[in-house]
Protein backbone atom coordinates (compact mmCIF):
# COMPACT_ATOMS: atom_id res chain seq x y z
CA MET A 1 -29.73 57.30 14.00
CA ILE A 2 -30.08 53.80 12.55
CA HIS A 3 -26.86 52.02 11.63
CA MET A 4 -27.19 49.71 8.64
CA ALA A 5 -24.01 47.79 9.40
CA HIS A 6 -22.40 46.83 12.63
CA ILE A 7 -18.91 45.37 12.37
CA HIS A 8 -17.44 43.51 15.30
CA ARG A 9 -14.01 41.92 15.59
CA VAL A 10 -13.64 38.60 17.40
CA SER A 11 -10.07 38.31 18.67
CA CYS A 12 -8.09 35.67 20.50
CA PRO A 13 -7.85 36.50 24.21
CA GLY A 14 -4.32 35.12 24.25
CA CYS A 15 -2.63 37.05 21.43
CA ASP A 16 -5.33 39.46 20.10
CA HIS A 17 -5.19 37.80 16.66
CA ASP A 18 -8.36 38.52 14.64
CA THR A 19 -10.23 35.24 14.24
CA GLU A 20 -13.48 36.55 12.78
CA THR A 21 -15.12 39.71 11.54
CA GLN A 22 -18.84 39.79 12.24
CA MET A 23 -21.12 42.12 10.36
CA TRP A 24 -24.80 42.72 10.81
CA VAL A 25 -26.02 40.60 13.71
CA PRO A 26 -24.37 37.20 14.12
CA SER A 27 -26.61 34.22 13.44
CA GLY A 28 -25.29 32.25 16.40
CA LEU A 29 -24.69 29.08 14.35
CA GLY A 30 -21.34 27.34 14.56
CA PRO A 31 -18.87 25.53 16.78
CA SER A 32 -18.96 26.64 20.41
CA LEU A 33 -15.16 26.79 20.72
CA TYR A 34 -12.51 28.43 18.58
CA ALA A 35 -8.79 27.66 18.56
CA CYS A 36 -6.63 30.59 17.61
CA PRO A 37 -4.75 29.82 14.38
CA GLN A 38 -1.79 31.81 15.66
CA CYS A 39 -1.23 30.78 19.30
CA ASN A 40 -3.65 27.81 19.63
CA THR A 41 -5.53 29.37 22.58
CA THR A 42 -9.02 27.86 22.95
CA PHE A 43 -11.86 30.27 23.68
CA PRO A 44 -15.68 30.39 23.44
CA SER A 45 -17.05 31.48 20.07
CA GLY A 46 -20.49 32.52 21.31
CA ARG A 47 -22.01 30.13 18.76
CA ILE A 48 -23.93 26.88 19.04
CA GLU A 49 -24.39 23.93 16.68
CA TRP A 50 -27.76 23.48 14.92
CA PRO A 51 -28.95 20.36 16.80
CA HIS A 52 -28.23 22.08 20.13
CA MET A 53 -30.03 25.32 19.24
CA SER A 54 -33.38 26.04 20.82
CA VAL A 55 -36.43 26.58 18.63
CA PRO A 56 -36.19 30.39 19.10
CA GLY A 57 -32.48 30.14 18.19
CA LYS A 58 -33.31 28.27 14.99
CA LEU A 59 -36.06 30.77 14.17
CA TRP A 60 -33.57 33.61 14.75
CA TYR A 61 -31.12 31.94 12.34
CA ILE A 62 -33.82 31.62 9.66
CA VAL A 63 -35.08 35.20 10.11
CA ASN A 64 -31.53 36.59 10.21
CA SER A 65 -30.51 34.58 7.14
CA SER A 66 -33.65 35.64 5.25
CA ALA A 67 -33.08 39.31 6.08
CA LEU A 68 -29.46 39.01 4.97
CA ALA A 69 -30.50 37.32 1.71
CA VAL A 70 -33.06 40.05 0.98
CA PHE A 71 -30.76 42.95 1.93
CA LEU A 72 -27.69 41.67 0.08
CA GLY A 73 -29.90 40.51 -2.79
CA LEU A 74 -31.33 44.01 -3.28
CA PHE A 75 -27.96 45.67 -2.81
CA GLY A 76 -26.23 43.11 -5.02
CA GLY A 77 -28.89 43.53 -7.70
CA THR A 78 -28.33 47.27 -7.66
CA LEU A 79 -24.58 46.80 -8.04
CA ILE A 80 -25.02 44.27 -10.86
CA ALA A 81 -27.36 46.68 -12.70
CA TRP A 82 -24.83 49.48 -12.19
CA SER A 83 -22.05 47.21 -13.50
CA VAL A 84 -23.97 46.36 -16.66
CA LEU A 85 -24.84 50.01 -17.23
CA CYS A 86 -21.20 50.96 -16.69
CA LEU A 87 -20.08 48.44 -19.33
CA GLN A 88 -22.76 49.56 -21.78
CA GLY A 89 -21.79 53.18 -21.83
CA GLY A 90 -21.35 54.70 -18.47
CA VAL A 91 -23.51 55.56 -15.53
CA ARG A 92 -25.80 58.55 -15.73
CA ALA A 93 -25.94 61.10 -12.97
CA LYS A 94 -29.28 59.70 -11.81
CA PHE A 95 -29.17 55.92 -11.56
CA GLU A 96 -32.34 53.95 -10.94
CA PRO A 97 -31.88 50.19 -10.76
CA SER A 98 -34.29 48.29 -12.97
CA GLY A 99 -34.39 45.77 -15.77
CA ALA A 100 -33.19 42.23 -16.29
CA ALA A 101 -29.71 42.79 -14.81
CA TYR A 102 -31.27 44.14 -11.61
CA ILE A 103 -33.67 41.20 -11.24
CA ALA A 104 -30.93 38.69 -12.13
CA GLY A 105 -28.59 40.29 -9.58
CA ILE A 106 -31.23 40.18 -6.85
CA LEU A 107 -31.97 36.54 -7.53
CA ALA A 108 -28.32 35.54 -7.87
CA TRP A 109 -27.12 37.21 -4.66
CA GLY A 110 -30.24 36.33 -2.67
CA CYS A 111 -30.14 32.68 -3.72
CA LEU A 112 -26.39 32.47 -3.09
CA ILE A 113 -26.83 33.75 0.47
CA ALA A 114 -29.75 31.36 1.10
CA LEU A 115 -27.74 28.43 -0.29
CA LEU A 116 -24.67 29.25 1.81
CA GLN A 117 -26.75 29.62 4.97
CA ALA A 118 -28.42 26.24 4.28
CA LEU A 119 -24.97 24.76 3.69
CA ARG A 120 -23.87 26.09 7.08
CA ILE A 121 -26.72 24.15 8.72
CA ARG A 122 -25.63 21.02 6.84
CA GLN A 123 -22.02 21.49 7.97
CA SER A 124 -23.18 21.93 11.57
CA LEU A 125 -25.21 18.71 11.40
CA MET A 126 -22.22 16.87 9.91
CA ARG A 127 -19.87 18.15 12.64
CA VAL A 128 -22.24 16.99 15.37
CA ARG A 129 -22.81 13.58 13.71
CA ALA A 130 -19.06 13.09 13.35
CA GLY A 131 -18.58 13.94 17.02
CA GLU A 132 -16.41 16.97 16.26
CA THR A 133 -16.69 18.75 19.59
CA GLY A 134 -13.15 20.12 19.73
CA PRO A 135 -12.31 23.73 19.00
CA PHE A 136 -12.71 25.03 15.45
CA ARG A 137 -9.73 26.81 13.90
CA PRO A 138 -11.23 29.79 12.02
CA ARG A 139 -9.96 30.24 8.46
CA PHE A 140 -10.66 33.11 6.11
CA TRP A 141 -12.20 30.97 3.34
CA SER A 142 -14.48 29.02 5.70
CA ILE A 143 -18.21 29.70 5.58
CA VAL A 144 -18.51 28.61 9.21
CA ASN A 145 -17.65 32.05 10.54
CA GLY A 146 -17.78 35.62 9.27
CA LEU A 147 -19.85 34.78 6.17
CA GLN A 148 -21.90 37.98 6.29
CA PHE A 149 -18.80 40.17 6.18
CA LYS A 150 -17.23 38.08 3.40
CA MET A 151 -20.37 38.32 1.27
CA ALA A 152 -20.69 42.05 1.92
CA MET A 153 -17.15 42.45 0.57
CA ALA A 154 -17.66 40.03 -2.36
CA ILE A 155 -20.72 41.97 -3.49
CA TRP A 156 -18.38 44.79 -4.61
CA ILE A 157 -16.45 42.58 -7.08
CA PRO A 158 -18.78 43.07 -10.10
CA PRO A 159 -18.80 46.90 -9.98
CA ILE A 160 -15.05 47.05 -9.40
CA LEU A 161 -14.43 44.73 -12.36
CA ALA A 162 -16.88 46.68 -14.53
CA PHE A 163 -15.16 49.94 -13.66
CA VAL A 164 -11.69 48.53 -14.40
CA VAL A 165 -12.84 46.97 -17.69
CA ARG A 166 -14.54 50.21 -18.66
CA LYS A 167 -11.47 52.32 -17.90
CA THR A 168 -8.88 49.98 -19.44
CA LEU A 169 -10.58 48.30 -22.40
CA ILE A 170 -13.51 50.46 -23.47
CA GLU A 171 -12.39 54.04 -22.97
């Protein structure tokens, strides 16, 4: 059996506080040390900054990021097309994604993922240039860690909103 999603919790060894939720396969990019936001314990993140990555590590990041952009782009495009169809009159029993909403959704989600992954490289370069070698304190809204999981959750916002709008305003 092939599993499409693997979810892994990264917890503080001191207090078991969740510091990150990883989905898919982690890219490996980021600060090498975390500091728990709850108890301040410092522990290895299993990540490495961009300038310190090997060539295979950088290639892995690019391949992983590209696969994520394609996968979430296709899935996001499907959900955008479903959302538009839902708002236009409901979803038929057999739904086949196609049309402008599908293409726009693919491009929007795919480009957003690619942009965020490029921004993560930029942030890594800036941290290294600034000499920030201390532990990173993971935060929910940061794109430094757990971005794949956050985007996989955000991708559900359009269909949820479309369903709520459909049920409350249209029907």
